[in-house]
Amino acid sequence: MVSRRKVIVVDLDGTLVKVNTFPKWILHVLISSLLNLDFNTFHKFFLLLALRKLGFISHHDFKFRLIDVGSDDSYNITFAKKIIRHINPNVIRKLGSNGVSYVLSTAAPSCYAHKIAELCDVNWYAVYCSEIRDGKFFENYGKNKVDCLVSDLGKVECLEFYTDHHEDLPMMQYSNSVTLVEPSMKTIEIAEQSNIRLLNII
């Protein structure tokens, strides 16, 4: 009988780091491209941002188009170095070496999420992000987080899941226990109403 891999899954925005990285990344790319006279990148990002603000494209399509357009990798590296300053020490302290595999699972774009993961003092077994796969946009969000974990690792047992938001309810339900990180009252209420086993609230 093949034993199931035991993992601890950690969300990024609002959990591993205390900020929402996506809007900060967009602003960083806009400023960096302008300072570097990279008008091609600046124009593409600015146009997509305008379309989103005016309601012509959805958040899902907005993210897909930004990832598809891409940005200079140097912008993503400098952005990751800025974001790492917002690491949540309360979460990092709990991710010690205890014989399990750590997985970072986030809806953030892979272009910078992997770089943030590399700068963390955590030995990640896997990092799952939103990305374009075989020409199609995969958003690692909601139930997709569970599907991605299972399809990639096969027989897997999520011992604990760290998150700040009720939109991660499918992964909460899949996990043996959940640690909520600085959650809103709405998130706590939804978790309790869904009979989620809350291990801790930090």
Protein backbone atom coordinates (compact mmCIF):
# COMPACT_ATOMS: atom_id res chain seq x y z
CA MET A 1 0.00 0.00 0.00
CA VAL A 2 1.40 3.40 -1.04
CA SER A 3 1.42 5.86 1.87
CA ARG A 4 0.10 9.33 1.28
CA ARG A 5 2.52 12.24 1.29
CA LYS A 6 1.88 14.49 4.26
CA VAL A 7 1.92 18.19 3.46
CA ILE A 8 1.29 21.54 5.08
CA VAL A 9 -0.14 24.06 2.62
CA VAL A 10 0.40 27.81 2.98
CA ASP A 11 -1.36 30.67 1.19
CA LEU A 12 0.68 33.73 0.15
CA ASP A 13 -1.29 37.00 0.25
CA GLY A 14 -2.41 37.96 3.73
CA THR A 15 -0.88 34.80 5.15
CA LEU A 16 2.80 34.19 4.41
CA VAL A 17 3.11 37.90 3.67
CA LYS A 18 0.90 40.55 5.23
CA VAL A 19 -0.06 42.30 1.99
CA ASN A 20 -2.01 41.69 -1.21
CA THR A 21 0.85 41.29 -3.68
CA PHE A 22 -1.02 41.55 -7.01
CA PRO A 23 -1.88 45.28 -7.02
CA LYS A 24 1.55 46.08 -5.59
CA TRP A 25 3.19 44.10 -8.41
CA ILE A 26 1.24 46.01 -11.07
CA LEU A 27 2.29 49.35 -9.55
CA HIS A 28 5.90 48.17 -9.25
CA VAL A 29 6.03 47.14 -12.92
CA LEU A 30 4.46 50.42 -14.04
CA ILE A 31 6.96 52.51 -12.07
CA SER A 32 9.96 50.32 -12.94
CA SER A 33 9.17 50.24 -16.65
CA LEU A 34 8.70 54.01 -16.72
CA LEU A 35 11.98 54.64 -14.88
CA ASN A 36 13.77 52.29 -17.27
CA LEU A 37 12.17 53.93 -20.32
CA ASP A 38 10.57 50.58 -21.10
CA PHE A 39 7.56 52.20 -22.74
CA ASN A 40 6.37 48.98 -24.37
CA THR A 41 5.76 47.28 -21.00
CA PHE A 42 4.42 50.48 -19.44
CA HIS A 43 1.92 51.02 -22.24
CA LYS A 44 0.62 47.42 -22.12
CA PHE A 45 0.21 47.37 -18.34
CA PHE A 46 -1.33 50.84 -18.23
CA LEU A 47 -3.82 50.00 -20.99
CA LEU A 48 -4.92 46.78 -19.27
CA LEU A 49 -5.24 48.59 -15.94
CA ALA A 50 -7.41 51.25 -17.58
CA LEU A 51 -9.63 48.61 -19.18
CA ARG A 52 -10.04 46.92 -15.80
CA LYS A 53 -10.79 50.15 -13.93
CA LEU A 54 -13.41 51.07 -16.54
CA GLY A 55 -15.03 47.65 -16.20
CA PHE A 56 -14.35 46.46 -19.74
CA ILE A 57 -12.56 43.30 -18.58
CA SER A 58 -13.05 41.01 -15.58
CA HIS A 59 -10.47 40.48 -12.83
CA HIS A 60 -9.85 36.97 -14.21
CA ASP A 61 -9.24 38.26 -17.74
CA PHE A 62 -7.15 41.14 -16.39
CA LYS A 63 -4.81 38.77 -14.59
CA PHE A 64 -4.60 36.45 -17.60
CA ARG A 65 -3.68 39.29 -19.95
CA LEU A 66 -1.05 40.71 -17.60
CA ILE A 67 0.59 37.30 -17.24
CA ASP A 68 0.39 36.81 -21.01
CA VAL A 69 1.99 40.20 -21.67
CA GLY A 70 4.75 39.46 -19.17
CA SER A 71 7.33 41.79 -17.68
CA ASP A 72 11.09 41.95 -17.53
CA ASP A 73 12.31 39.38 -15.01
CA SER A 74 14.42 42.01 -13.27
CA TYR A 75 11.19 43.77 -12.25
CA ASN A 76 9.90 40.56 -10.66
CA ILE A 77 13.16 40.00 -8.78
CA THR A 78 13.24 43.51 -7.31
CA PHE A 79 9.55 43.22 -6.46
CA ALA A 80 10.10 39.96 -4.56
CA LYS A 81 12.88 41.59 -2.56
CA LYS A 82 10.49 44.37 -1.55
CA ILE A 83 7.65 42.02 -0.65
CA ILE A 84 9.80 39.79 1.52
CA ARG A 85 9.98 42.69 3.98
CA HIS A 86 6.29 42.02 4.67
CA ILE A 87 6.83 38.38 5.66
CA ASN A 88 4.64 37.30 8.56
CA PRO A 89 7.03 36.16 11.32
CA ASN A 90 4.22 34.38 13.19
CA VAL A 91 3.70 32.07 10.21
CA ILE A 92 7.39 31.53 9.47
CA ARG A 93 8.05 30.49 13.07
CA LYS A 94 5.47 27.73 12.78
CA LEU A 95 6.94 26.29 9.57
CA GLY A 96 9.74 24.39 11.22
CA SER A 97 11.25 21.09 10.15
CA ASN A 98 8.85 18.42 11.37
CA GLY A 99 9.04 15.68 8.78
CA VAL A 100 6.36 17.03 6.45
CA SER A 101 6.51 18.70 3.06
CA TYR A 102 5.63 22.37 2.74
CA VAL A 103 3.58 23.62 -0.21
CA LEU A 104 3.00 27.25 -1.15
CA SER A 105 -0.33 27.61 -2.97
CA THR A 106 -1.39 31.02 -4.22
CA ALA A 107 -3.55 32.76 -6.80
CA ALA A 108 -0.68 35.17 -7.44
CA PRO A 109 1.11 35.03 -10.82
CA SER A 110 3.98 32.58 -11.02
CA CYS A 111 6.37 35.19 -12.46
CA TYR A 112 6.89 36.70 -9.02
CA ALA A 113 5.38 34.16 -6.60
CA HIS A 114 8.22 31.69 -7.22
CA LYS A 115 10.76 34.42 -6.54
CA ILE A 116 9.12 35.33 -3.25
CA ALA A 117 9.14 31.64 -2.29
CA GLU A 118 12.88 31.40 -3.04
CA LEU A 119 13.60 34.28 -0.64
CA CYS A 120 11.68 32.70 2.25
CA ASP A 121 13.50 30.63 4.83
CA VAL A 122 11.30 27.63 4.00
CA ASN A 123 12.22 24.50 2.09
CA TRP A 124 9.19 24.32 -0.23
CA TYR A 125 8.39 20.93 -1.69
CA ALA A 126 6.17 22.59 -4.32
CA VAL A 127 4.92 26.03 -5.29
CA TYR A 128 1.58 26.39 -7.11
CA CYS A 129 0.56 29.68 -8.71
CA SER A 130 -1.62 31.18 -11.41
CA GLU A 131 -0.01 30.70 -14.82
CA ILE A 132 -0.55 29.95 -18.48
CA ARG A 133 -0.44 26.21 -19.16
CA ASP A 134 -0.46 24.94 -22.72
CA GLY A 135 -1.88 28.24 -23.92
CA LYS A 136 -4.68 28.29 -21.34
CA PHE A 137 -4.89 30.38 -18.19
CA PHE A 138 -4.93 28.41 -14.96
CA GLU A 139 -5.93 30.47 -11.92
CA ASN A 140 -4.88 28.74 -8.72
CA TYR A 141 -7.93 29.92 -6.82
CA GLY A 142 -10.75 28.33 -4.82
CA LYS A 143 -11.32 24.67 -5.69
CA ASN A 144 -8.48 24.84 -8.23
CA LYS A 145 -6.03 24.87 -5.31
CA VAL A 146 -7.25 21.45 -4.21
CA ASP A 147 -7.37 20.07 -7.76
CA CYS A 148 -3.85 21.30 -8.48
CA LEU A 149 -2.44 19.76 -5.30
CA VAL A 150 -4.08 16.38 -5.88
CA SER A 151 -3.36 16.18 -9.62
CA ASP A 152 0.33 16.99 -9.08
CA LEU A 153 1.11 15.04 -5.90
CA GLY A 154 -1.43 12.21 -6.17
CA LYS A 155 -2.04 10.56 -2.82
CA VAL A 156 -1.63 13.49 -0.47
CA GLU A 157 -2.82 14.33 3.03
CA CYS A 158 -2.97 18.00 3.97
CA LEU A 159 -2.25 18.02 7.69
CA GLU A 160 -2.69 21.76 8.05
CA PHE A 161 -3.62 24.71 5.88
CA TYR A 162 -2.63 28.32 6.61
CA THR A 163 -4.86 31.02 5.13
CA ASP A 164 -6.44 34.37 5.91
CA HIS A 165 -9.51 34.23 3.67
CA HIS A 166 -12.82 32.40 3.32
CA GLU A 167 -12.31 32.17 -0.46
CA ASP A 168 -9.97 29.29 0.40
CA LEU A 169 -12.89 27.29 1.83
CA PRO A 170 -12.40 24.30 -0.56
CA MET A 171 -8.82 23.83 0.68
CA MET A 172 -9.98 24.32 4.29
CA GLN A 173 -12.51 21.52 3.80
CA TYR A 174 -9.86 19.28 2.24
CA SER A 175 -7.39 19.80 5.10
CA ASN A 176 -7.25 17.99 8.43
CA SER A 177 -6.97 21.31 10.25
CA VAL A 178 -6.73 25.01 9.51
CA THR A 179 -4.79 27.91 10.98
CA LEU A 180 -6.39 31.27 10.20
CA VAL A 181 -3.96 34.16 9.93
CA GLU A 182 -5.36 37.55 10.97
CA PRO A 183 -8.79 36.62 9.53
CA SER A 184 -11.84 38.85 9.21
CA MET A 185 -14.90 38.05 11.30
CA LYS A 186 -16.63 36.93 8.10
CA THR A 187 -13.89 34.36 7.45
CA ILE A 188 -14.12 33.05 11.03
CA GLU A 189 -17.91 32.78 10.80
CA ILE A 190 -17.81 30.96 7.44
CA ALA A 191 -15.17 28.54 8.75
CA GLU A 192 -17.23 27.79 11.86
CA GLN A 193 -20.48 27.42 9.89
CA SER A 194 -18.70 25.00 7.53
CA ASN A 195 -17.49 22.88 10.48
CA ILE A 196 -13.85 23.56 9.68
CA ARG A 197 -11.46 22.21 12.30
CA LEU A 198 -9.66 25.38 13.37
CA LEU A 199 -6.32 24.48 14.86
CA ASN A 200 -5.37 28.03 15.64
CA ILE A 201 -5.97 31.70 14.89
CA ILE A 202 -2.85 33.85 14.78
